[in-house]
């Protein structure tokens, strides 16, 4: 039997923040498209190469643990970064919880 369903990326216009898990550096961009398996975000060319890095992507109501897999030139000022979703691991969830609750005092 031939599988007829596919998972395609769809246009999803939203602001986004990309956080490098190691350096905690934040990069801002505009979502280009999204799927359950990944996301593509437009960023300025001055953003360093993120390919192969563990990142946390936040776009409106979505948080994705991801790895940057490709960068493509959009124009002379911008590039598109393609991310592949990764499964949340206990250490990544702990990292997120510490970041969210880190400023609270009891």
Protein backbone atom coordinates (compact mmCIF):
# COMPACT_ATOMS: atom_id res chain seq x y z
CA UNK A 1 0.00 0.00 0.00
CA UNK A 2 1.37 3.42 -0.96
CA UNK A 3 1.53 6.05 1.79
CA UNK A 4 -0.37 9.16 0.65
CA UNK A 5 0.31 11.43 3.59
CA UNK A 6 3.33 13.71 3.58
CA UNK A 7 4.67 16.23 6.03
CA UNK A 8 5.26 19.48 4.20
CA UNK A 9 6.43 22.79 5.56
CA UNK A 10 3.82 25.53 5.54
CA UNK A 11 4.24 29.28 5.66
CA UNK A 12 4.09 30.58 9.22
CA UNK A 13 4.83 34.25 9.73
CA UNK A 14 6.04 34.92 13.27
CA UNK A 15 8.91 36.55 15.10
CA UNK A 16 11.38 34.14 16.63
CA UNK A 17 14.29 33.89 19.03
CA UNK A 18 17.06 31.34 18.59
CA UNK A 19 19.07 30.54 21.73
CA UNK A 20 22.42 28.77 21.51
CA UNK A 21 22.34 26.18 24.31
CA UNK A 22 26.10 26.40 24.98
CA UNK A 23 26.70 30.17 24.88
CA UNK A 24 23.15 31.38 25.72
CA UNK A 25 23.57 33.89 22.86
CA UNK A 26 20.21 35.03 21.42
CA UNK A 27 19.52 35.67 17.74
CA UNK A 28 16.30 37.19 16.43
CA UNK A 29 14.62 36.29 13.17
CA UNK A 30 11.42 35.86 11.19
CA UNK A 31 9.96 32.39 10.67
CA UNK A 32 9.74 31.48 6.99
CA UNK A 33 8.01 28.10 7.22
CA UNK A 34 7.39 25.29 9.67
CA UNK A 35 6.49 21.60 9.96
CA UNK A 36 6.28 19.15 12.85
CA UNK A 37 9.81 18.04 11.93
CA UNK A 38 11.54 21.39 11.46
CA UNK A 39 11.48 25.12 10.88
CA UNK A 40 13.17 27.68 8.64
CA UNK A 41 14.01 31.13 9.99
CA UNK A 42 15.32 34.24 8.22
CA UNK A 43 18.14 36.00 10.12
CA UNK A 44 20.62 38.78 9.38
CA UNK A 45 23.87 37.78 7.67
CA UNK A 46 25.87 38.93 10.72
CA UNK A 47 24.47 36.00 12.74
CA UNK A 48 27.26 33.39 12.99
CA UNK A 49 26.98 30.01 11.30
CA UNK A 50 24.78 27.76 13.46
CA UNK A 51 24.99 24.52 11.44
CA UNK A 52 25.50 21.54 13.73
CA UNK A 53 24.73 23.43 16.95
CA UNK A 54 22.14 22.54 19.61
CA UNK A 55 19.61 25.36 19.77
CA UNK A 56 16.31 26.23 21.35
CA UNK A 57 13.91 27.98 18.96
CA UNK A 58 10.98 30.03 20.27
CA UNK A 59 8.31 31.23 17.83
CA UNK A 60 5.11 32.69 19.26
CA UNK A 61 3.54 29.78 21.19
CA UNK A 62 6.04 27.10 20.16
CA UNK A 63 9.32 25.97 21.69
CA UNK A 64 11.49 23.59 19.67
CA UNK A 65 14.76 21.91 20.57
CA UNK A 66 16.59 21.79 17.26
CA UNK A 67 19.80 21.41 15.32
CA UNK A 68 20.66 23.80 12.49
CA UNK A 69 21.21 21.69 9.37
CA UNK A 70 21.58 24.22 6.54
CA UNK A 71 22.02 27.90 5.76
CA UNK A 72 20.93 29.44 2.44
CA UNK A 73 21.50 33.00 1.23
CA UNK A 74 18.20 34.90 0.89
CA UNK A 75 19.67 38.20 -0.29
CA UNK A 76 22.73 40.34 0.47
CA UNK A 77 21.50 41.17 4.01
CA UNK A 78 19.72 37.97 5.10
CA UNK A 79 20.06 34.21 5.18
CA UNK A 80 17.63 31.36 5.87
CA UNK A 81 18.59 28.80 8.50
CA UNK A 82 16.89 25.38 8.35
CA UNK A 83 16.44 23.53 11.64
CA UNK A 84 15.70 19.87 12.29
CA UNK A 85 13.61 19.16 15.38
CA UNK A 86 15.22 17.05 18.08
CA UNK A 87 13.54 15.09 20.83
CA UNK A 88 13.63 16.82 24.19
CA UNK A 89 16.03 15.06 26.54
CA UNK A 90 15.87 15.29 30.34
CA UNK A 91 18.92 17.61 30.44
CA UNK A 92 17.41 19.98 27.86
CA UNK A 93 14.12 20.10 29.76
CA UNK A 94 16.04 20.81 32.98
CA UNK A 95 17.95 23.58 31.15
CA UNK A 96 14.68 25.16 30.00
CA UNK A 97 13.12 24.95 33.46
CA UNK A 98 16.19 26.57 35.03
CA UNK A 99 16.10 29.38 32.47
CA UNK A 100 12.39 29.99 33.00
CA UNK A 101 12.48 29.81 36.80
CA UNK A 102 16.02 31.14 37.32
CA UNK A 103 15.02 34.67 38.32
CA UNK A 104 12.41 33.71 40.88
CA UNK A 105 13.16 34.01 44.57
CA UNK A 106 11.28 32.07 47.22
